[in-house]
Structures are given as structure tokens and as C-alpha cells.
């Protein structure tokens, strides 16, 4: 089963993401699904600092 997912995203981030997906010849929803799966499985460490939020893959 598929579920529609919509949210607002910063224009610069969205444009960069679209461009990166095109370079890899991947659809954006495929990359987002992979990220969401790994994030929900707690495979990332979330770091919040002065420069913003960063994700690092947990060892």
C-alpha cells in the first residue's frame, strides 16, 4: 500500500536534492523512502548545533 506524503521544504534544499537525485538517476521518492526507513530504524545520530541539524550514520 502507498501513502501520499506532502510537506513544505526550503526551496534551496529542495532544488539541491532534486539535482542530486537526477545525478544519481534516482527518483526523489525512492531516496526519501530509503532515508525514512533508515531514520525510523535509528541508524542515524542526530547532532544539533549552531550550524543547524546534521545526521551521521551510527556505527
PDB file of N, CA and C in Angstrom:
ATOM      1  N   UNK A   1       0.837  -1.173   0.000  1.00  0.00           N
ATOM      2  CA  UNK A   1       0.000   0.000   0.000  1.00  0.00           C
ATOM      3  C   UNK A   1       0.889   1.245   0.000  1.00  0.00           C
ATOM      4  N   UNK A   2       0.486   2.273  -0.687  1.00  0.00           N
ATOM      5  CA  UNK A   2       1.231   3.523  -0.782  1.00  0.00           C
ATOM      6  C   UNK A   2       0.440   4.631  -0.082  1.00  0.00           C
ATOM      7  N   UNK A   3       1.155   5.590   0.524  1.00  0.00           N
ATOM      8  CA  UNK A   3       0.523   6.708   1.202  1.00  0.00           C
ATOM      9  C   UNK A   3       1.095   7.999   0.636  1.00  0.00           C
ATOM     10  N   UNK A   4       0.228   8.952   0.329  1.00  0.00           N
ATOM     11  CA  UNK A   4       0.655  10.256  -0.159  1.00  0.00           C
ATOM     12  C   UNK A   4       1.342  10.997   0.985  1.00  0.00           C
ATOM     13  N   UNK A   5       2.458  11.698   0.701  1.00  0.00           N
ATOM     14  CA  UNK A   5       3.218  12.420   1.715  1.00  0.00           C
ATOM     15  C   UNK A   5       3.577  13.787   1.155  1.00  0.00           C
ATOM     16  N   UNK A   6       3.147  14.840   1.834  1.00  0.00           N
ATOM     17  CA  UNK A   6       3.453  16.192   1.357  1.00  0.00           C
ATOM     18  C   UNK A   6       3.852  17.065   2.542  1.00  0.00           C
ATOM     19  N   UNK A   7       4.859  17.904   2.308  1.00  0.00           N
ATOM     20  CA  UNK A   7       5.324  18.830   3.335  1.00  0.00           C
ATOM     21  C   UNK A   7       6.033  19.992   2.658  1.00  0.00           C
ATOM     22  N   UNK A   8       6.176  21.082   3.369  1.00  0.00           N
ATOM     23  CA  UNK A   8       6.921  22.219   2.801  1.00  0.00           C
ATOM     24  C   UNK A   8       8.400  22.066   3.151  1.00  0.00           C
ATOM     25  N   UNK A   9       9.248  22.405   2.194  1.00  0.00           N
ATOM     26  CA  UNK A   9      10.697  22.271   2.336  1.00  0.00           C
ATOM     27  C   UNK A   9      11.347  23.531   1.773  1.00  0.00           C
ATOM     28  N   UNK A  10      12.432  23.962   2.384  1.00  0.00           N
ATOM     29  CA  UNK A  10      13.189  25.114   1.906  1.00  0.00           C
ATOM     30  C   UNK A  10      13.498  24.933   0.418  1.00  0.00           C
ATOM     31  N   UNK A  11      13.301  25.985  -0.356  1.00  0.00           N
ATOM     32  CA  UNK A  11      13.478  25.925  -1.810  1.00  0.00           C
ATOM     33  C   UNK A  11      14.893  25.518  -2.214  1.00  0.00           C
ATOM     34  N   UNK A  12      15.902  26.088  -1.567  1.00  0.00           N
ATOM     35  CA  UNK A  12      17.291  25.761  -1.922  1.00  0.00           C
ATOM     36  C   UNK A  12      17.600  24.284  -1.648  1.00  0.00           C
ATOM     37  N   UNK A  13      17.121  23.796  -0.508  1.00  0.00           N
ATOM     38  CA  UNK A  13      17.339  22.384  -0.164  1.00  0.00           C
ATOM     39  C   UNK A  13      16.621  21.483  -1.159  1.00  0.00           C
ATOM     40  N   UNK A  14      15.386  21.836  -1.470  1.00  0.00           N
ATOM     41  CA  UNK A  14      14.604  21.042  -2.422  1.00  0.00           C
ATOM     42  C   UNK A  14      15.271  20.994  -3.797  1.00  0.00           C
ATOM     43  N   UNK A  15      15.748  22.133  -4.262  1.00  0.00           N
ATOM     44  CA  UNK A  15      16.408  22.191  -5.573  1.00  0.00           C
ATOM     45  C   UNK A  15      17.696  21.371  -5.580  1.00  0.00           C
ATOM     46  N   UNK A  16      18.486  21.476  -4.507  1.00  0.00           N
ATOM     47  CA  UNK A  16      19.729  20.698  -4.413  1.00  0.00           C
ATOM     48  C   UNK A  16      19.448  19.202  -4.362  1.00  0.00           C
ATOM     49  N   UNK A  17      18.407  18.826  -3.613  1.00  0.00           N
ATOM     50  CA  UNK A  17      18.034  17.419  -3.504  1.00  0.00           C
ATOM     51  C   UNK A  17      17.583  16.877  -4.854  1.00  0.00           C
ATOM     52  N   UNK A  18      16.758  17.641  -5.556  1.00  0.00           N
ATOM     53  CA  UNK A  18      16.281  17.230  -6.877  1.00  0.00           C
ATOM     54  C   UNK A  18      17.456  17.032  -7.828  1.00  0.00           C
ATOM     55  N   UNK A  19      18.385  17.974  -7.796  1.00  0.00           N
ATOM     56  CA  UNK A  19      19.565  17.900  -8.660  1.00  0.00           C
ATOM     57  C   UNK A  19      20.425  16.678  -8.323  1.00  0.00           C
ATOM     58  N   UNK A  20      20.641  16.417  -7.041  1.00  0.00           N
ATOM     59  CA  UNK A  20      21.440  15.258  -6.624  1.00  0.00           C
ATOM     60  C   UNK A  20      20.770  13.955  -7.058  1.00  0.00           C
ATOM     61  N   UNK A  21      19.461  13.884  -6.908  1.00  0.00           N
ATOM     62  CA  UNK A  21      18.737  12.674  -7.329  1.00  0.00           C
ATOM     63  C   UNK A  21      18.884  12.462  -8.834  1.00  0.00           C
ATOM     64  N   UNK A  22      18.798  13.546  -9.593  1.00  0.00           N
ATOM     65  CA  UNK A  22      18.959  13.448 -11.046  1.00  0.00           C
ATOM     66  C   UNK A  22      20.358  12.958 -11.411  1.00  0.00           C
ATOM     67  N   UNK A  23      21.383  13.430 -10.705  1.00  0.00           N
ATOM     68  CA  UNK A  23      22.763  12.995 -10.965  1.00  0.00           C
ATOM     69  C   UNK A  23      22.928  11.496 -10.738  1.00  0.00           C
ATOM     70  N   UNK A  24      22.224  10.976  -9.718  1.00  0.00           N
ATOM     71  CA  UNK A  24      22.276   9.536  -9.423  1.00  0.00           C
ATOM     72  C   UNK A  24      21.266   8.742 -10.244  1.00  0.00           C
ATOM     73  N   UNK A  25      20.466   9.445 -11.042  1.00  0.00           N
ATOM     74  CA  UNK A  25      19.403   8.824 -11.849  1.00  0.00           C
ATOM     75  C   UNK A  25      18.417   8.057 -10.948  1.00  0.00           C
ATOM     76  N   UNK A  26      18.045   8.710  -9.834  1.00  0.00           N
ATOM     77  CA  UNK A  26      17.098   8.124  -8.888  1.00  0.00           C
ATOM     78  C   UNK A  26      15.899   9.044  -8.730  1.00  0.00           C
ATOM     79  N   UNK A  27      14.736   8.466  -8.493  1.00  0.00           N
ATOM     80  CA  UNK A  27      13.546   9.259  -8.206  1.00  0.00           C
ATOM     81  C   UNK A  27      13.629   9.739  -6.757  1.00  0.00           C
ATOM     82  N   UNK A  28      13.155  10.952  -6.532  1.00  0.00           N
ATOM     83  CA  UNK A  28      13.227  11.528  -5.190  1.00  0.00           C
ATOM     84  C   UNK A  28      12.490  10.679  -4.167  1.00  0.00           C
ATOM     85  N   UNK A  29      11.338  10.132  -4.527  1.00  0.00           N
ATOM     86  CA  UNK A  29      10.583   9.344  -3.547  1.00  0.00           C
ATOM     87  C   UNK A  29      11.333   8.081  -3.134  1.00  0.00           C
ATOM     88  N   UNK A  30      12.140   7.518  -4.021  1.00  0.00           N
ATOM     89  CA  UNK A  30      12.927   6.325  -3.683  1.00  0.00           C
ATOM     90  C   UNK A  30      13.981   6.682  -2.631  1.00  0.00           C
ATOM     91  N   UNK A  31      14.653   7.815  -2.820  1.00  0.00           N
ATOM     92  CA  UNK A  31      15.668   8.254  -1.865  1.00  0.00           C
ATOM     93  C   UNK A  31      15.023   8.608  -0.531  1.00  0.00           C
ATOM     94  N   UNK A  32      13.903   9.312  -0.573  1.00  0.00           N
ATOM     95  CA  UNK A  32      13.208   9.678   0.661  1.00  0.00           C
ATOM     96  C   UNK A  32      12.744   8.448   1.434  1.00  0.00           C
ATOM     97  N   UNK A  33      12.221   7.456   0.736  1.00  0.00           N
ATOM     98  CA  UNK A  33      11.785   6.219   1.398  1.00  0.00           C
ATOM     99  C   UNK A  33      12.964   5.505   2.057  1.00  0.00           C
ATOM    100  N   UNK A  34      14.100   5.462   1.374  1.00  0.00           N
ATOM    101  CA  UNK A  34      15.290   4.820   1.943  1.00  0.00           C
ATOM    102  C   UNK A  34      15.745   5.567   3.197  1.00  0.00           C
ATOM    103  N   UNK A  35      15.767   6.903   3.115  1.00  0.00           N
ATOM    104  CA  UNK A  35      16.143   7.696   4.281  1.00  0.00           C
ATOM    105  C   UNK A  35      15.172   7.476   5.432  1.00  0.00           C
ATOM    106  N   UNK A  36      13.880   7.541   5.149  1.00  0.00           N
ATOM    107  CA  UNK A  36      12.870   7.397   6.191  1.00  0.00           C
ATOM    108  C   UNK A  36      12.954   6.032   6.862  1.00  0.00           C
ATOM    109  N   UNK A  37      13.245   5.005   6.082  1.00  0.00           N
ATOM    110  CA  UNK A  37      13.382   3.657   6.644  1.00  0.00           C
ATOM    111  C   UNK A  37      14.580   3.602   7.584  1.00  0.00           C
ATOM    112  N   UNK A  38      15.727   4.092   7.134  1.00  0.00           N
ATOM    113  CA  UNK A  38      16.926   4.074   7.976  1.00  0.00           C
ATOM    114  C   UNK A  38      16.752   4.955   9.211  1.00  0.00           C
ATOM    115  N   UNK A  39      16.125   6.103   9.057  1.00  0.00           N
ATOM    116  CA  UNK A  39      15.915   7.001  10.191  1.00  0.00           C
ATOM    117  C   UNK A  39      14.995   6.355  11.217  1.00  0.00           C
ATOM    118  N   UNK A  40      13.925   5.713  10.770  1.00  0.00           N
ATOM    119  CA  UNK A  40      12.982   5.071  11.700  1.00  0.00           C
ATOM    120  C   UNK A  40      13.606   3.860  12.382  1.00  0.00           C
ATOM    121  N   UNK A  41      14.638   3.288  11.772  1.00  0.00           N
ATOM    122  CA  UNK A  41      15.363   2.165  12.382  1.00  0.00           C
ATOM    123  C   UNK A  41      16.521   2.669  13.255  1.00  0.00           C
ATOM    124  N   UNK A  42      16.546   3.969  13.503  1.00  0.00           N
ATOM    125  CA  UNK A  42      17.530   4.632  14.364  1.00  0.00           C
ATOM    126  C   UNK A  42      18.974   4.377  13.921  1.00  0.00           C
ATOM    127  N   UNK A  43      19.207   4.428  12.606  1.00  0.00           N
ATOM    128  CA  UNK A  43      20.540   4.217  12.068  1.00  0.00           C
ATOM    129  C   UNK A  43      21.347   5.512  11.988  1.00  0.00           C
ATOM    130  N   UNK A  44      20.754   6.635  12.400  1.00  0.00           N
ATOM    131  CA  UNK A  44      21.429   7.920  12.350  1.00  0.00           C
ATOM    132  C   UNK A  44      21.591   8.506  13.740  1.00  0.00           C
ATOM    133  N   UNK A  45      22.678   9.239  13.926  1.00  0.00           N
ATOM    134  CA  UNK A  45      22.876  10.038  15.123  1.00  0.00           C
ATOM    135  C   UNK A  45      22.501  11.466  14.733  1.00  0.00           C
ATOM    136  N   UNK A  46      21.636  12.110  15.512  1.00  0.00           N
ATOM    137  CA  UNK A  46      21.199  13.470  15.230  1.00  0.00           C
ATOM    138  C   UNK A  46      22.045  14.433  16.060  1.00  0.00           C
ATOM    139  N   UNK A  47      22.696  15.386  15.375  1.00  0.00           N
ATOM    140  CA  UNK A  47      23.504  16.389  16.048  1.00  0.00           C
ATOM    141  C   UNK A  47      22.904  17.758  15.777  1.00  0.00           C
ATOM    142  N   UNK A  48      22.597  18.490  16.841  1.00  0.00           N
ATOM    143  CA  UNK A  48      22.036  19.831  16.715  1.00  0.00           C
ATOM    144  C   UNK A  48      23.059  20.816  17.259  1.00  0.00           C
ATOM    145  N   UNK A  49      23.464  21.753  16.406  1.00  0.00           N
ATOM    146  CA  UNK A  49      24.476  22.727  16.799  1.00  0.00           C
ATOM    147  C   UNK A  49      24.171  24.093  16.223  1.00  0.00           C
ATOM    148  N   UNK A  50      25.110  24.985  16.385  1.00  0.00           N
ATOM    149  CA  UNK A  50      24.940  26.354  15.902  1.00  0.00           C
ATOM    150  C   UNK A  50      24.765  26.416  14.386  1.00  0.00           C
ATOM    151  N   UNK A  51      25.352  25.460  13.677  1.00  0.00           N
ATOM    152  CA  UNK A  51      25.266  25.470  12.211  1.00  0.00           C
ATOM    153  C   UNK A  51      24.029  24.730  11.698  1.00  0.00           C
ATOM    154  N   UNK A  52      23.218  24.188  12.596  1.00  0.00           N
ATOM    155  CA  UNK A  52      21.991  23.507  12.174  1.00  0.00           C
ATOM    156  C   UNK A  52      21.959  22.054  12.623  1.00  0.00           C
ATOM    157  N   UNK A  53      21.143  21.286  11.949  1.00  0.00           N
ATOM    158  CA  UNK A  53      20.965  19.864  12.284  1.00  0.00           C
ATOM    159  C   UNK A  53      21.760  19.016  11.293  1.00  0.00           C
ATOM    160  N   UNK A  54      22.509  18.062  11.822  1.00  0.00           N
ATOM    161  CA  UNK A  54      23.264  17.134  10.983  1.00  0.00           C
ATOM    162  C   UNK A  54      22.929  15.708  11.388  1.00  0.00           C
ATOM    163  N   UNK A  55      22.990  14.815  10.430  1.00  0.00           N
ATOM    164  CA  UNK A  55      22.780  13.388  10.675  1.00  0.00           C
ATOM    165  C   UNK A  55      24.054  12.634  10.336  1.00  0.00           C
ATOM    166  N   UNK A  56      24.417  11.726  11.191  1.00  0.00           N
ATOM    167  CA  UNK A  56      25.564  10.870  10.935  1.00  0.00           C
ATOM    168  C   UNK A  56      25.109   9.423  11.076  1.00  0.00           C
ATOM    169  N   UNK A  57      25.632   8.571  10.223  1.00  0.00           N
ATOM    170  CA  UNK A  57      25.274   7.164  10.309  1.00  0.00           C
ATOM    171  C   UNK A  57      25.945   6.557  11.531  1.00  0.00           C
ATOM    172  N   UNK A  58      25.144   5.899  12.364  1.00  0.00           N
ATOM    173  CA  UNK A  58      25.662   5.241  13.565  1.00  0.00           C
ATOM    174  C   UNK A  58      26.494   4.038  13.167  1.00  0.00           C
ATOM    175  N   UNK A  59      27.552   3.776  13.919  1.00  0.00           N
ATOM    176  CA  UNK A  59      28.404   2.601  13.682  1.00  0.00           C
ATOM    177  C   UNK A  59      27.794   1.380  14.338  1.00  0.00           C
TER     178      UNK A  59
END
